Amino acid sequence: MSEFIEYLEEVFDQFGQIRARKMFGGYGIYHDGVMFGLVADETLYLKADENTANYFVSKGLGQFEYDKGGKTVKMSYYMAPAEIYDDPEEAALWARRAYEVATLAKTTGKR
């Protein structure tokens, strides 16, 4: 497990226990069995939907994307804001939003 993943456990302490699972060269970040974040290249991305993406966009935070057969694929995860690393309350707020979106997506089947 990377030092960054261990650090995220501290960052999200006020939110609750998280677990990381290796996936596609990165990690999925889970809370209560629901993936609400991902880590790629030591960068944290949080789950968003049409109702919460504006929080990220208004801060100039980009969407997670990757190349698939020469095409860019964007996922519904956005780069986490820097302030979560210094403010446990902000970290909990952003994690709760992402977790709620991920839980809703899981129960409705919406990705």
Protein backbone atom coordinates (compact mmCIF):
# COMPACT_ATOMS: atom_id res chain seq x y z
CA MET A 1 0.00 0.00 0.00
CA SER A 2 1.35 3.42 -0.88
CA GLU A 3 2.12 6.12 1.65
CA PHE A 4 -0.47 8.32 -0.06
CA ILE A 5 -3.21 5.75 0.59
CA GLU A 6 -2.16 5.51 4.24
CA TYR A 7 -2.27 9.30 4.43
CA LEU A 8 -5.84 9.30 3.04
CA GLU A 9 -6.91 7.17 6.00
CA GLU A 10 -5.85 10.09 8.21
CA VAL A 11 -7.42 12.69 5.90
CA PHE A 12 -10.81 10.97 6.05
CA ASP A 13 -10.67 10.04 9.73
CA GLN A 14 -13.54 12.40 10.61
CA PHE A 15 -15.62 10.98 7.74
CA GLY A 16 -15.10 7.36 8.76
CA GLN A 17 -13.06 4.31 7.96
CA ILE A 18 -11.98 3.91 4.36
CA ARG A 19 -10.49 0.97 2.53
CA ALA A 20 -8.39 0.92 -0.61
CA ARG A 21 -8.42 -1.83 -3.21
CA LYS A 22 -5.92 -2.08 -6.05
CA MET A 23 -7.43 -1.61 -9.48
CA PHE A 24 -6.03 -0.80 -12.94
CA GLY A 25 -2.72 0.51 -11.66
CA GLY A 26 -4.40 2.66 -9.02
CA TYR A 27 -6.77 2.21 -6.11
CA GLY A 28 -10.49 2.35 -5.51
CA ILE A 29 -11.38 4.12 -2.25
CA TYR A 30 -14.30 2.56 -0.39
CA HIS A 31 -16.47 3.33 2.62
CA ASP A 32 -18.98 0.70 3.80
CA GLY A 33 -18.39 -1.28 0.61
CA VAL A 34 -19.16 1.64 -1.71
CA MET A 35 -16.46 3.09 -3.96
CA PHE A 36 -16.59 6.88 -3.62
CA GLY A 37 -13.09 7.76 -4.79
CA LEU A 38 -10.16 6.58 -6.80
CA VAL A 39 -6.45 7.21 -6.77
CA ALA A 40 -4.41 7.34 -9.96
CA ASP A 41 -0.81 8.53 -10.08
CA GLU A 42 -0.99 9.59 -6.41
CA THR A 43 -3.94 11.88 -7.16
CA LEU A 44 -7.31 11.51 -5.42
CA TYR A 45 -10.52 11.80 -7.41
CA LEU A 46 -13.99 11.85 -5.83
CA LYS A 47 -17.28 10.61 -7.30
CA ALA A 48 -19.64 13.28 -8.66
CA ASP A 49 -22.89 13.50 -10.59
CA GLU A 50 -24.84 16.22 -12.38
CA ASN A 51 -25.83 17.71 -9.01
CA THR A 52 -22.36 17.84 -7.45
CA ALA A 53 -19.98 18.26 -10.39
CA ASN A 54 -20.37 22.05 -10.14
CA TYR A 55 -18.55 22.02 -6.77
CA PHE A 56 -15.48 20.67 -8.57
CA VAL A 57 -15.84 22.69 -11.78
CA SER A 58 -16.19 25.96 -9.85
CA LYS A 59 -12.76 25.27 -8.31
CA GLY A 60 -11.21 24.40 -11.67
CA LEU A 61 -10.81 20.73 -10.74
CA GLY A 62 -10.63 18.34 -13.67
CA GLN A 63 -12.39 15.10 -14.38
CA PHE A 64 -10.58 11.78 -14.30
CA GLU A 65 -9.92 10.65 -17.85
CA TYR A 66 -7.98 7.97 -19.63
CA ASP A 67 -7.19 6.89 -23.17
CA LYS A 68 -9.06 3.92 -24.62
CA GLY A 69 -8.16 2.98 -28.16
CA GLY A 70 -7.16 6.51 -29.08
CA LYS A 71 -10.25 8.09 -27.54
CA THR A 72 -10.40 10.01 -24.28
CA VAL A 73 -12.87 8.55 -21.81
CA LYS A 74 -14.04 10.74 -18.92
CA MET A 75 -15.35 9.17 -15.74
CA SER A 76 -17.65 10.69 -13.12
CA TYR A 77 -14.75 11.36 -10.75
CA TYR A 78 -13.13 14.74 -10.22
CA MET A 79 -9.84 15.76 -8.65
CA ALA A 80 -10.23 16.38 -4.93
CA PRO A 81 -9.69 19.96 -3.75
CA ALA A 82 -6.40 20.69 -1.99
CA GLU A 83 -8.07 22.04 1.16
CA ILE A 84 -9.27 18.59 2.22
CA TYR A 85 -5.69 17.64 3.08
CA ASP A 86 -5.45 20.37 5.74
CA ASP A 87 -9.03 20.56 7.03
CA PRO A 88 -10.70 17.43 8.47
CA GLU A 89 -14.17 19.03 8.31
CA GLU A 90 -13.74 19.87 4.62
CA ALA A 91 -12.46 16.34 3.97
CA ALA A 92 -15.53 14.87 5.67
CA LEU A 93 -17.86 17.18 3.72
CA TRP A 94 -16.37 16.29 0.33
CA ALA A 95 -16.24 12.59 1.23
CA ARG A 96 -19.91 12.61 2.31
CA ARG A 97 -20.96 14.21 -0.97
CA ALA A 98 -18.99 11.67 -3.01
CA TYR A 99 -20.26 8.77 -0.89
CA GLU A 100 -23.89 9.88 -1.28
CA VAL A 101 -23.48 10.11 -5.06
CA ALA A 102 -21.81 6.68 -5.19
CA THR A 103 -24.50 5.13 -2.98
CA LEU A 104 -27.25 6.59 -5.14
CA ALA A 105 -25.54 5.40 -8.31
CA LYS A 106 -25.18 1.92 -6.83
CA THR A 107 -28.85 1.67 -5.82
CA THR A 108 -30.24 3.15 -9.05
CA GLY A 109 -27.74 1.54 -11.38
CA LYS A 110 -26.69 4.98 -12.71
CA ARG A 111 -23.01 5.39 -13.41
